[in-house]
Amino acid sequence: MAGLRQAGVRIPQDISVIGIDNIPLADLVQPPLSSVIPPLAEMVKMMINRLLTRIENPDLAPEEFLFAPQLICRQSVVGGD
């Protein structure tokens, strides 16, 4: 974001910026950074269950799991807080 500002790009008027993992700094920078949060607790629970199941049944076919993230809108996107 600092590099964009130095280049004369306005956030969010010219470009929206979104981070990931909602680190504590996200709410402290200017403008506050919007962020995508993966559902870590749900992911860990699913993967532990999957690992235990595969230990019991090594022939179990691999699967793909999709987890819906949460979006925290702050002032780094148009329409944010």
N, C-alpha and C. Protein backbone atom coordinates (compact mmCIF):
# COMPACT_ATOMS: atom_id res chain seq x y z
N MET A 1 0.83 -1.18 0.00
CA MET A 1 0.00 0.00 0.00
C MET A 1 0.88 1.25 0.00
N ALA A 2 2.00 1.19 0.71
CA ALA A 2 2.90 2.34 0.73
C ALA A 2 3.45 2.59 -0.68
N GLY A 3 3.80 1.55 -1.39
CA GLY A 3 4.30 1.68 -2.75
C GLY A 3 3.26 2.26 -3.69
N LEU A 4 2.03 1.85 -3.53
CA LEU A 4 0.96 2.42 -4.35
C LEU A 4 0.80 3.90 -4.08
N ARG A 5 0.82 4.27 -2.79
CA ARG A 5 0.70 5.70 -2.44
C ARG A 5 1.86 6.50 -3.03
N GLN A 6 3.08 5.94 -2.94
CA GLN A 6 4.24 6.63 -3.50
C GLN A 6 4.12 6.82 -5.01
N ALA A 7 3.42 5.90 -5.66
CA ALA A 7 3.22 5.98 -7.11
C ALA A 7 2.03 6.87 -7.47
N GLY A 8 1.39 7.46 -6.45
CA GLY A 8 0.26 8.35 -6.70
C GLY A 8 -1.06 7.64 -6.87
N VAL A 9 -1.11 6.36 -6.53
CA VAL A 9 -2.36 5.60 -6.64
C VAL A 9 -3.12 5.74 -5.32
N ARG A 10 -4.39 6.12 -5.42
CA ARG A 10 -5.22 6.31 -4.23
C ARG A 10 -5.97 5.03 -3.90
N ILE A 11 -5.95 4.68 -2.63
CA ILE A 11 -6.66 3.50 -2.14
C ILE A 11 -7.85 3.99 -1.33
N PRO A 12 -9.05 3.64 -1.60
CA PRO A 12 -9.57 2.72 -2.60
C PRO A 12 -10.08 3.39 -3.87
N GLN A 13 -9.90 4.70 -4.00
CA GLN A 13 -10.49 5.40 -5.14
C GLN A 13 -9.99 4.86 -6.48
N ASP A 14 -8.68 4.56 -6.58
CA ASP A 14 -8.10 4.07 -7.83
C ASP A 14 -7.96 2.55 -7.87
N ILE A 15 -7.76 1.96 -6.72
CA ILE A 15 -7.57 0.51 -6.64
C ILE A 15 -8.01 0.02 -5.26
N SER A 16 -8.63 -1.14 -5.23
CA SER A 16 -8.99 -1.78 -3.96
C SER A 16 -7.87 -2.74 -3.59
N VAL A 17 -7.59 -2.84 -2.30
CA VAL A 17 -6.54 -3.74 -1.81
C VAL A 17 -7.15 -4.63 -0.74
N ILE A 18 -6.89 -5.93 -0.86
CA ILE A 18 -7.38 -6.91 0.12
C ILE A 18 -6.23 -7.80 0.56
N GLY A 19 -6.09 -7.97 1.86
CA GLY A 19 -5.07 -8.86 2.41
C GLY A 19 -5.67 -10.22 2.73
N ILE A 20 -4.86 -11.06 3.34
CA ILE A 20 -5.32 -12.39 3.73
C ILE A 20 -4.91 -12.66 5.18
N ASP A 21 -5.72 -13.40 5.87
CA ASP A 21 -5.51 -13.84 7.25
C ASP A 21 -5.85 -12.81 8.32
N ASN A 22 -6.26 -11.59 7.93
CA ASN A 22 -6.69 -10.58 8.89
C ASN A 22 -5.69 -10.38 10.03
N ILE A 23 -4.42 -10.19 9.67
CA ILE A 23 -3.40 -9.98 10.69
C ILE A 23 -3.73 -8.72 11.50
N PRO A 24 -3.23 -8.60 12.74
CA PRO A 24 -3.55 -7.44 13.57
C PRO A 24 -3.23 -6.09 12.91
N LEU A 25 -2.21 -6.04 12.08
CA LEU A 25 -1.86 -4.79 11.40
C LEU A 25 -2.94 -4.32 10.43
N ALA A 26 -3.80 -5.21 9.98
CA ALA A 26 -4.80 -4.87 8.97
C ALA A 26 -5.67 -3.70 9.39
N ASP A 27 -5.96 -3.60 10.66
CA ASP A 27 -6.82 -2.53 11.16
C ASP A 27 -6.02 -1.29 11.58
N LEU A 28 -4.69 -1.38 11.54
CA LEU A 28 -3.86 -0.27 12.00
C LEU A 28 -3.27 0.57 10.87
N VAL A 29 -3.19 0.03 9.65
CA VAL A 29 -2.64 0.78 8.53
C VAL A 29 -3.69 1.76 8.02
N GLN A 30 -3.25 2.71 7.22
CA GLN A 30 -4.18 3.67 6.63
C GLN A 30 -4.19 3.56 5.12
N PRO A 31 -5.31 3.35 4.49
CA PRO A 31 -6.59 3.05 5.12
C PRO A 31 -6.58 1.63 5.69
N PRO A 32 -7.44 1.35 6.67
CA PRO A 32 -7.52 0.00 7.22
C PRO A 32 -7.73 -1.03 6.10
N LEU A 33 -6.99 -2.13 6.17
CA LEU A 33 -6.94 -3.13 5.10
C LEU A 33 -8.07 -4.14 5.20
N SER A 34 -8.85 -4.25 4.13
CA SER A 34 -9.85 -5.33 4.04
C SER A 34 -9.09 -6.65 4.00
N SER A 35 -9.72 -7.72 4.44
CA SER A 35 -9.00 -8.99 4.54
C SER A 35 -9.92 -10.18 4.35
N VAL A 36 -9.35 -11.24 3.80
CA VAL A 36 -10.05 -12.51 3.66
C VAL A 36 -9.53 -13.44 4.76
N ILE A 37 -10.45 -14.06 5.48
CA ILE A 37 -10.07 -14.95 6.58
C ILE A 37 -10.49 -16.37 6.24
N PRO A 38 -9.53 -17.29 6.12
CA PRO A 38 -9.93 -18.68 5.93
C PRO A 38 -10.47 -19.24 7.26
N PRO A 39 -11.40 -20.18 7.19
CA PRO A 39 -11.97 -20.76 8.41
C PRO A 39 -11.01 -21.79 9.02
N LEU A 40 -9.95 -21.32 9.66
CA LEU A 40 -8.87 -22.20 10.11
C LEU A 40 -9.35 -23.31 11.05
N ALA A 41 -10.21 -23.00 12.01
CA ALA A 41 -10.67 -24.03 12.96
C ALA A 41 -11.41 -25.14 12.22
N GLU A 42 -12.27 -24.76 11.28
CA GLU A 42 -13.01 -25.75 10.49
C GLU A 42 -12.05 -26.58 9.62
N MET A 43 -11.05 -25.93 9.05
CA MET A 43 -10.08 -26.63 8.20
C MET A 43 -9.27 -27.64 9.01
N VAL A 44 -8.82 -27.23 10.19
CA VAL A 44 -8.03 -28.12 11.05
C VAL A 44 -8.86 -29.33 11.46
N LYS A 45 -10.09 -29.08 11.90
CA LYS A 45 -10.97 -30.17 12.34
C LYS A 45 -11.18 -31.17 11.20
N MET A 46 -11.46 -30.68 10.00
CA MET A 46 -11.71 -31.55 8.85
C MET A 46 -10.45 -32.36 8.50
N MET A 47 -9.30 -31.71 8.51
CA MET A 47 -8.07 -32.40 8.12
C MET A 47 -7.63 -33.43 9.16
N ILE A 48 -7.84 -33.14 10.43
CA ILE A 48 -7.52 -34.13 11.47
C ILE A 48 -8.42 -35.34 11.32
N ASN A 49 -9.72 -35.08 11.12
CA ASN A 49 -10.65 -36.20 10.91
C ASN A 49 -10.27 -37.01 9.68
N ARG A 50 -9.89 -36.31 8.63
CA ARG A 50 -9.49 -36.99 7.38
C ARG A 50 -8.23 -37.82 7.60
N LEU A 51 -7.25 -37.26 8.30
CA LEU A 51 -6.01 -37.98 8.59
C LEU A 51 -6.29 -39.25 9.40
N LEU A 52 -7.09 -39.14 10.43
CA LEU A 52 -7.41 -40.31 11.25
C LEU A 52 -8.15 -41.37 10.42
N THR A 53 -9.03 -40.94 9.55
CA THR A 53 -9.76 -41.87 8.68
C THR A 53 -8.80 -42.56 7.72
N ARG A 54 -7.84 -41.81 7.17
CA ARG A 54 -6.87 -42.40 6.23
C ARG A 54 -5.91 -43.35 6.93
N ILE A 55 -5.60 -43.08 8.19
CA ILE A 55 -4.75 -44.00 8.96
C ILE A 55 -5.47 -45.33 9.12
N GLU A 56 -6.77 -45.28 9.40
CA GLU A 56 -7.57 -46.50 9.54
C GLU A 56 -7.82 -47.17 8.20
N ASN A 57 -7.88 -46.41 7.13
CA ASN A 57 -8.19 -46.93 5.81
C ASN A 57 -7.25 -46.30 4.77
N PRO A 58 -6.00 -46.80 4.66
CA PRO A 58 -5.01 -46.21 3.77
C PRO A 58 -5.43 -46.20 2.29
N ASP A 59 -6.37 -47.03 1.90
CA ASP A 59 -6.81 -47.08 0.50
C ASP A 59 -7.85 -46.01 0.16
N LEU A 60 -8.23 -45.22 1.13
CA LEU A 60 -9.21 -44.17 0.90
C LEU A 60 -8.66 -43.19 -0.14
N ALA A 61 -9.44 -42.93 -1.15
CA ALA A 61 -9.00 -42.06 -2.25
C ALA A 61 -8.85 -40.61 -1.76
N PRO A 62 -7.89 -39.89 -2.33
CA PRO A 62 -7.75 -38.46 -2.00
C PRO A 62 -9.00 -37.70 -2.41
N GLU A 63 -9.28 -36.65 -1.67
CA GLU A 63 -10.44 -35.80 -1.96
C GLU A 63 -10.01 -34.34 -1.95
N GLU A 64 -10.82 -33.52 -2.57
CA GLU A 64 -10.61 -32.08 -2.55
C GLU A 64 -11.63 -31.48 -1.60
N PHE A 65 -11.18 -30.57 -0.76
CA PHE A 65 -12.07 -29.90 0.18
C PHE A 65 -12.05 -28.41 -0.10
N LEU A 66 -13.22 -27.80 -0.11
CA LEU A 66 -13.33 -26.37 -0.31
C LEU A 66 -13.90 -25.74 0.96
N PHE A 67 -13.32 -24.65 1.37
CA PHE A 67 -13.75 -23.96 2.57
C PHE A 67 -14.08 -22.51 2.21
N ALA A 68 -15.23 -22.06 2.62
CA ALA A 68 -15.66 -20.69 2.31
C ALA A 68 -14.98 -19.71 3.27
N PRO A 69 -14.27 -18.72 2.72
CA PRO A 69 -13.64 -17.72 3.58
C PRO A 69 -14.63 -16.64 4.00
N GLN A 70 -14.23 -15.85 4.96
CA GLN A 70 -15.02 -14.69 5.40
C GLN A 70 -14.29 -13.43 4.93
N LEU A 71 -15.03 -12.46 4.46
CA LEU A 71 -14.46 -11.20 4.02
C LEU A 71 -14.73 -10.11 5.06
N ILE A 72 -13.68 -9.48 5.52
CA ILE A 72 -13.80 -8.35 6.43
C ILE A 72 -13.55 -7.10 5.59
N CYS A 73 -14.60 -6.31 5.36
CA CYS A 73 -14.48 -5.09 4.55
C CYS A 73 -14.09 -3.93 5.44
N ARG A 74 -12.98 -3.32 5.06
CA ARG A 74 -12.55 -2.10 5.73
C ARG A 74 -12.41 -1.02 4.65
N GLN A 75 -11.68 0.01 4.90
CA GLN A 75 -11.65 1.18 4.03
C GLN A 75 -10.72 1.03 2.82
N SER A 76 -10.06 -0.12 2.63
CA SER A 76 -9.18 -0.29 1.48
C SER A 76 -9.91 -0.78 0.22
N VAL A 77 -11.23 -0.89 0.32
CA VAL A 77 -12.04 -1.26 -0.83
C VAL A 77 -13.20 -0.27 -0.97
N VAL A 78 -13.64 -0.06 -2.19
CA VAL A 78 -14.78 0.83 -2.40
C VAL A 78 -16.00 0.21 -1.72
N GLY A 79 -16.70 0.98 -0.93
CA GLY A 79 -17.86 0.49 -0.21
C GLY A 79 -17.52 -0.11 1.14
N GLY A 80 -16.22 -0.12 1.53
CA GLY A 80 -15.83 -0.62 2.85
C GLY A 80 -16.26 0.35 3.93
N ASP A 81 -16.07 -0.03 5.18
CA ASP A 81 -16.51 0.81 6.31
C ASP A 81 -16.09 2.24 6.19
